[in-house]
Amino acid sequence: MDKLNFLVADDYLDNRILLKEIITILGHNCILAEDGEEACDLLKTNNIDIILMDIEMPHLNGLEATREIRQFFSSPKNHTPIIAISAHSPEHFNAKLKKTGFNDYISKPYSIEKIIDIIEKYKKK
C-alpha cells in the first residue's frame, strides 16, 4: 500500500501526538495542526489524503474549517476525506455533521484498529 498523507487537527497536544504515533506506526505520513485555521493553511500547501479533524477547537473549530474546505478550496482538495474526531459518542455523527461536509467519525479513545478502518475505507484505489 502506498503511504498516505494525513493531516491531524486537534487542540490537545496529547491527542495529536497519539494519532501521529499510530499513523506513523502504520507506515504513513502525518502533519499536525492545533486548530481549524492552521489545518486550512496546511491543506493549502500540502498534498493530504485524509484529514482527521477535531470538532471542538478554539479559533476555527472543526465544523467551520470543514465548511471552509468544502466551499472555498478548489478540486481535488475540497474533496479530501475529512473524518470528525471527538470524545462524543458516534450517535453525534448525525445529519448536521454530514451536511457540514464530514465523511465519517472516529470517537475517542483512538486505536490502531479505528485508524486502519479509516485507511481501508478512504485510501485511493
Protein backbone atom coordinates (compact mmCIF):
# COMPACT_ATOMS: atom_id res chain seq x y z
CA MET A 1 0.00 0.00 0.00
CA ASP A 2 1.24 3.48 -0.82
CA LYS A 3 1.99 5.86 2.01
CA LEU A 4 -0.88 8.19 2.75
CA ASN A 5 -0.51 11.77 3.94
CA PHE A 6 -2.64 12.58 6.97
CA LEU A 7 -3.46 15.95 8.46
CA VAL A 8 -4.48 15.79 12.13
CA ALA A 9 -6.18 18.87 13.59
CA ASP A 10 -6.74 18.78 17.34
CA ASP A 11 -6.23 21.43 20.00
CA TYR A 12 -4.86 18.91 22.53
CA LEU A 13 -1.19 18.11 22.06
CA ASP A 14 -1.54 14.62 23.58
CA ASN A 15 -4.22 13.70 21.04
CA ARG A 16 -2.11 15.00 18.15
CA ILE A 17 0.94 13.05 19.32
CA LEU A 18 -1.07 9.83 19.85
CA LEU A 19 -2.65 10.00 16.40
CA LYS A 20 0.69 10.80 14.77
CA GLU A 21 2.27 7.80 16.52
CA ILE A 22 -0.49 5.45 15.33
CA ILE A 23 -0.34 6.79 11.77
CA THR A 24 3.47 6.57 11.69
CA ILE A 25 3.46 3.01 13.08
CA LEU A 26 1.11 2.09 10.23
CA GLY A 27 3.67 3.44 7.76
CA HIS A 28 2.03 6.70 6.75
CA ASN A 29 2.97 10.39 6.95
CA CYS A 30 1.34 12.88 9.28
CA ILE A 31 1.37 16.63 9.78
CA LEU A 32 -0.26 18.33 12.75
CA ALA A 33 -2.44 21.39 13.26
CA GLU A 34 -3.56 22.99 16.54
CA ASP A 35 -6.86 24.31 15.18
CA GLY A 36 -9.01 24.56 12.09
CA GLU A 37 -7.30 27.69 10.83
CA GLU A 38 -3.89 26.03 10.85
CA ALA A 39 -5.41 22.92 9.25
CA CYS A 40 -6.76 25.01 6.35
CA ASP A 41 -3.40 26.73 5.92
CA LEU A 42 -1.57 23.37 5.87
CA LEU A 43 -4.04 21.90 3.39
CA LYS A 44 -3.34 24.79 1.00
CA THR A 45 0.37 23.92 0.82
CA ASN A 46 0.43 20.12 1.28
CA ASN A 47 -0.93 17.10 -0.53
CA ILE A 48 -3.23 15.47 2.01
CA ASP A 49 -5.09 12.19 1.53
CA ILE A 50 -7.11 12.10 4.77
CA ILE A 51 -7.90 14.76 7.39
CA LEU A 52 -8.69 13.85 11.00
CA MET A 53 -10.47 16.95 12.34
CA ASP A 54 -11.48 17.55 15.95
CA ILE A 55 -14.91 19.11 16.14
CA GLU A 56 -14.33 21.38 19.13
CA MET A 57 -11.26 23.63 18.79
CA PRO A 58 -10.56 27.30 19.50
CA HIS A 59 -10.26 29.95 16.78
CA LEU A 60 -11.73 27.99 13.85
CA ASN A 61 -13.46 24.83 15.04
CA GLY A 62 -13.76 21.62 13.06
CA LEU A 63 -17.22 22.41 11.73
CA GLU A 64 -16.14 25.83 10.46
CA ALA A 65 -12.89 24.51 8.98
CA THR A 66 -14.68 21.67 7.19
CA ARG A 67 -17.26 24.08 5.80
CA GLU A 68 -14.43 26.34 4.56
CA ILE A 69 -12.60 23.44 2.89
CA ARG A 70 -15.74 22.19 1.16
CA GLN A 71 -16.87 25.64 -0.02
CA PHE A 72 -13.71 27.59 -0.80
CA PHE A 73 -10.97 25.12 -1.73
CA SER A 74 -10.65 24.00 -5.32
CA SER A 75 -10.71 20.42 -6.50
CA PRO A 76 -9.25 17.99 -5.55
CA LYS A 77 -8.55 19.49 -2.09
CA ASN A 78 -12.22 20.23 -1.42
CA HIS A 79 -12.95 16.50 -1.86
CA THR A 80 -10.33 15.32 0.66
CA PRO A 81 -11.96 12.88 3.11
CA ILE A 82 -12.49 14.66 6.43
CA ILE A 83 -13.06 12.45 9.45
CA ALA A 84 -14.58 14.05 12.54
CA ILE A 85 -12.80 13.14 15.77
CA SER A 86 -14.44 13.73 19.13
CA ALA A 87 -14.97 12.37 22.61
CA HIS A 88 -18.71 12.38 21.96
CA SER A 89 -20.45 9.13 21.12
CA PRO A 90 -20.88 8.06 17.47
CA GLU A 91 -24.58 8.90 17.68
CA HIS A 92 -23.44 12.52 17.44
CA PHE A 93 -22.27 11.86 13.87
CA ASN A 94 -25.60 12.94 12.59
CA ALA A 95 -27.06 14.72 9.62
CA LYS A 96 -25.58 18.05 10.79
CA LEU A 97 -22.02 16.71 10.59
CA LYS A 98 -22.64 15.06 7.22
CA LYS A 99 -24.26 18.26 5.92
CA THR A 100 -21.22 20.23 7.11
CA GLY A 101 -19.05 18.00 4.92
CA PHE A 102 -17.55 15.38 7.20
CA ASN A 103 -17.21 11.96 5.59
CA ASP A 104 -17.01 9.88 8.74
CA TYR A 105 -16.47 9.88 12.50
CA ILE A 106 -13.97 8.40 14.98
CA SER A 107 -14.68 8.58 18.69
CA LYS A 108 -12.04 8.76 21.38
CA PRO A 109 -10.19 6.79 22.65
CA TYR A 110 -8.29 6.26 19.42
CA SER A 111 -6.90 2.89 18.45
CA ILE A 112 -4.84 1.37 15.68
CA GLU A 113 -7.92 -0.58 14.59
CA LYS A 114 -10.00 2.58 14.16
CA ILE A 115 -7.28 4.21 12.04
CA ILE A 116 -6.85 1.04 9.95
CA ASP A 117 -10.61 1.05 9.28
CA ILE A 118 -10.43 4.66 8.09
CA ILE A 119 -7.41 3.92 5.88
CA GLU A 120 -9.15 0.95 4.29
CA LYS A 121 -12.33 2.95 3.73
CA TYR A 122 -10.73 6.09 2.27
CA LYS A 123 -7.43 5.08 0.64
CA LYS A 124 -7.21 5.95 -3.01
CA LYS A 125 -7.87 2.97 -5.21
